[in-house]
Amino acid sequence: MKNRDWKEWIKAAGVRAVKTVAQTAVATIGTAAVIGDVNWVMVGSAAALSGILSLLTSVAGLPECPKKTE
């Protein structure tokens, strides 16, 4: 894979991971707020784990980075 392809993949995977982290944090905070107690350590760990899983899932391929045939 060319250096430019790696940069494109890292950018696309990073954007996806940040969005996933934000979505998980919002969902966890919302759920905890209904219960009445937001556990910030749980919110942070769930969000961090979702970001890691997003990056690992991106290894399988990203539609934003189509495979180039040469």
N, C-alpha and C. Protein backbone atom coordinates (compact mmCIF):
# COMPACT_ATOMS: atom_id res chain seq x y z
N MET A 1 0.85 -1.17 0.00
CA MET A 1 0.00 0.00 0.00
C MET A 1 0.89 1.23 0.00
N LYS A 2 0.52 2.17 -0.80
CA LYS A 2 1.31 3.39 -0.91
C LYS A 2 1.13 4.26 0.33
N ASN A 3 2.11 5.12 0.56
CA ASN A 3 2.07 6.02 1.72
C ASN A 3 0.83 6.90 1.69
N ARG A 4 0.44 7.36 0.51
CA ARG A 4 -0.75 8.21 0.38
C ARG A 4 -2.00 7.45 0.76
N ASP A 5 -2.06 6.16 0.40
CA ASP A 5 -3.21 5.33 0.74
C ASP A 5 -3.34 5.17 2.26
N TRP A 6 -2.20 5.02 2.94
CA TRP A 6 -2.22 4.90 4.40
C TRP A 6 -2.75 6.16 5.05
N LYS A 7 -2.32 7.30 4.55
CA LYS A 7 -2.78 8.58 5.10
C LYS A 7 -4.29 8.72 4.92
N GLU A 8 -4.78 8.32 3.75
CA GLU A 8 -6.22 8.40 3.48
C GLU A 8 -6.99 7.46 4.42
N TRP A 9 -6.45 6.25 4.62
CA TRP A 9 -7.11 5.28 5.50
C TRP A 9 -7.12 5.77 6.94
N ILE A 10 -6.00 6.27 7.41
CA ILE A 10 -5.90 6.76 8.79
C ILE A 10 -6.89 7.89 9.02
N LYS A 11 -7.01 8.80 8.07
CA LYS A 11 -7.94 9.91 8.21
C LYS A 11 -9.38 9.40 8.26
N ALA A 12 -9.75 8.52 7.33
CA ALA A 12 -11.13 8.00 7.28
C ALA A 12 -11.45 7.17 8.52
N ALA A 13 -10.52 6.32 8.95
CA ALA A 13 -10.74 5.49 10.14
C ALA A 13 -10.82 6.36 11.39
N GLY A 14 -10.01 7.40 11.45
CA GLY A 14 -10.03 8.31 12.60
C GLY A 14 -11.35 9.05 12.71
N VAL A 15 -11.86 9.52 11.58
CA VAL A 15 -13.15 10.22 11.58
C VAL A 15 -14.25 9.28 12.05
N ARG A 16 -14.24 8.05 11.55
CA ARG A 16 -15.25 7.07 11.97
C ARG A 16 -15.14 6.79 13.47
N ALA A 17 -13.92 6.63 13.97
CA ALA A 17 -13.71 6.32 15.38
C ALA A 17 -14.19 7.46 16.27
N VAL A 18 -13.89 8.70 15.89
CA VAL A 18 -14.33 9.85 16.69
C VAL A 18 -15.86 9.92 16.72
N LYS A 19 -16.50 9.70 15.58
CA LYS A 19 -17.96 9.70 15.54
C LYS A 19 -18.53 8.60 16.43
N THR A 20 -17.92 7.42 16.38
CA THR A 20 -18.39 6.30 17.20
C THR A 20 -18.22 6.60 18.68
N VAL A 21 -17.09 7.19 19.06
CA VAL A 21 -16.86 7.55 20.46
C VAL A 21 -17.92 8.55 20.93
N ALA A 22 -18.20 9.55 20.11
CA ALA A 22 -19.19 10.56 20.49
C ALA A 22 -20.59 9.94 20.62
N GLN A 23 -20.95 9.08 19.69
CA GLN A 23 -22.26 8.43 19.75
C GLN A 23 -22.40 7.56 21.00
N THR A 24 -21.35 6.83 21.31
CA THR A 24 -21.39 5.96 22.49
C THR A 24 -21.48 6.79 23.76
N ALA A 25 -20.72 7.87 23.84
CA ALA A 25 -20.75 8.73 25.03
C ALA A 25 -22.14 9.33 25.22
N VAL A 26 -22.74 9.84 24.14
CA VAL A 26 -24.07 10.44 24.24
C VAL A 26 -25.10 9.40 24.67
N ALA A 27 -25.03 8.21 24.08
CA ALA A 27 -25.98 7.16 24.44
C ALA A 27 -25.81 6.71 25.89
N THR A 28 -24.57 6.58 26.34
CA THR A 28 -24.31 6.14 27.71
C THR A 28 -24.74 7.21 28.71
N ILE A 29 -24.45 8.47 28.41
CA ILE A 29 -24.86 9.56 29.30
C ILE A 29 -26.38 9.64 29.37
N GLY A 30 -27.02 9.53 28.21
CA GLY A 30 -28.49 9.58 28.17
C GLY A 30 -29.13 8.47 28.96
N THR A 31 -28.62 7.26 28.82
CA THR A 31 -29.15 6.12 29.56
C THR A 31 -28.93 6.29 31.06
N ALA A 32 -27.73 6.72 31.44
CA ALA A 32 -27.41 6.90 32.86
C ALA A 32 -28.22 8.04 33.47
N ALA A 33 -28.49 9.08 32.69
CA ALA A 33 -29.25 10.21 33.21
C ALA A 33 -30.67 9.81 33.54
N VAL A 34 -31.23 8.90 32.75
CA VAL A 34 -32.58 8.41 33.03
C VAL A 34 -32.59 7.65 34.35
N ILE A 35 -31.54 6.88 34.59
CA ILE A 35 -31.43 6.14 35.85
C ILE A 35 -31.19 7.11 37.01
N GLY A 36 -30.52 8.22 36.74
CA GLY A 36 -30.34 9.23 37.77
C GLY A 36 -28.91 9.42 38.23
N ASP A 37 -27.98 8.64 37.71
CA ASP A 37 -26.60 8.77 38.14
C ASP A 37 -25.68 8.49 36.96
N VAL A 38 -24.91 9.48 36.54
CA VAL A 38 -23.97 9.29 35.43
C VAL A 38 -22.63 8.88 36.02
N ASN A 39 -22.19 7.70 35.67
CA ASN A 39 -20.88 7.20 36.09
C ASN A 39 -19.89 7.56 34.99
N TRP A 40 -19.11 8.62 35.21
CA TRP A 40 -18.24 9.14 34.17
C TRP A 40 -17.12 8.18 33.79
N VAL A 41 -16.69 7.36 34.73
CA VAL A 41 -15.67 6.36 34.40
C VAL A 41 -16.25 5.35 33.41
N MET A 42 -17.50 4.95 33.62
CA MET A 42 -18.16 4.02 32.71
C MET A 42 -18.34 4.66 31.33
N VAL A 43 -18.75 5.92 31.31
CA VAL A 43 -18.93 6.63 30.04
C VAL A 43 -17.61 6.67 29.28
N GLY A 44 -16.54 7.04 29.96
CA GLY A 44 -15.23 7.13 29.32
C GLY A 44 -14.72 5.79 28.83
N SER A 45 -14.88 4.76 29.64
CA SER A 45 -14.38 3.45 29.23
C SER A 45 -15.20 2.86 28.08
N ALA A 46 -16.50 3.04 28.11
CA ALA A 46 -17.34 2.55 27.02
C ALA A 46 -17.03 3.30 25.72
N ALA A 47 -16.84 4.60 25.81
CA ALA A 47 -16.51 5.39 24.63
C ALA A 47 -15.14 5.02 24.07
N ALA A 48 -14.16 4.85 24.95
CA ALA A 48 -12.82 4.47 24.50
C ALA A 48 -12.83 3.09 23.84
N LEU A 49 -13.53 2.15 24.44
CA LEU A 49 -13.62 0.81 23.86
C LEU A 49 -14.30 0.84 22.50
N SER A 50 -15.33 1.65 22.36
CA SER A 50 -16.01 1.73 21.07
C SER A 50 -15.10 2.33 20.00
N GLY A 51 -14.25 3.27 20.38
CA GLY A 51 -13.29 3.84 19.43
C GLY A 51 -12.27 2.82 18.97
N ILE A 52 -11.77 2.02 19.91
CA ILE A 52 -10.81 0.97 19.57
C ILE A 52 -11.46 -0.07 18.65
N LEU A 53 -12.68 -0.47 18.99
CA LEU A 53 -13.38 -1.44 18.15
C LEU A 53 -13.67 -0.88 16.76
N SER A 54 -13.96 0.40 16.67
CA SER A 54 -14.18 1.04 15.38
C SER A 54 -12.92 0.97 14.52
N LEU A 55 -11.78 1.27 15.12
CA LEU A 55 -10.52 1.21 14.37
C LEU A 55 -10.21 -0.22 13.93
N LEU A 56 -10.44 -1.18 14.80
CA LEU A 56 -10.19 -2.58 14.43
C LEU A 56 -11.13 -3.04 13.33
N THR A 57 -12.37 -2.60 13.37
CA THR A 57 -13.32 -2.95 12.33
C THR A 57 -12.93 -2.32 11.00
N SER A 58 -12.34 -1.14 11.05
CA SER A 58 -11.93 -0.44 9.84
C SER A 58 -10.82 -1.17 9.10
N VAL A 59 -10.09 -2.03 9.79
CA VAL A 59 -9.03 -2.80 9.14
C VAL A 59 -9.62 -3.69 8.04
N ALA A 60 -10.86 -4.13 8.21
CA ALA A 60 -11.52 -4.97 7.22
C ALA A 60 -11.83 -4.21 5.94
N GLY A 61 -11.84 -2.90 6.01
CA GLY A 61 -12.09 -2.09 4.83
C GLY A 61 -13.02 -0.94 5.13
N LEU A 62 -12.82 0.12 4.40
CA LEU A 62 -13.66 1.31 4.54
C LEU A 62 -14.23 1.68 3.18
N PRO A 63 -15.54 1.91 3.11
CA PRO A 63 -16.10 2.34 1.83
C PRO A 63 -15.55 3.68 1.36
N GLU A 64 -15.08 4.49 2.31
CA GLU A 64 -14.51 5.78 1.95
C GLU A 64 -13.16 5.64 1.23
N CYS A 65 -12.54 4.49 1.38
CA CYS A 65 -11.24 4.23 0.75
C CYS A 65 -11.36 3.02 -0.17
N PRO A 66 -11.90 3.24 -1.36
CA PRO A 66 -12.05 2.10 -2.27
C PRO A 66 -10.70 1.53 -2.67
N LYS A 67 -10.69 0.22 -2.88
CA LYS A 67 -9.44 -0.42 -3.31
C LYS A 67 -9.13 0.00 -4.73
N LYS A 68 -7.89 0.35 -4.95
CA LYS A 68 -7.46 0.81 -6.27
C LYS A 68 -6.78 -0.33 -6.99
N THR A 69 -7.17 -0.55 -8.19
CA THR A 69 -6.52 -1.57 -9.01
C THR A 69 -5.47 -0.90 -9.87
N GLU A 70 -4.31 -1.49 -9.88
CA GLU A 70 -3.22 -0.90 -10.65
C GLU A 70 -2.72 -1.87 -11.67
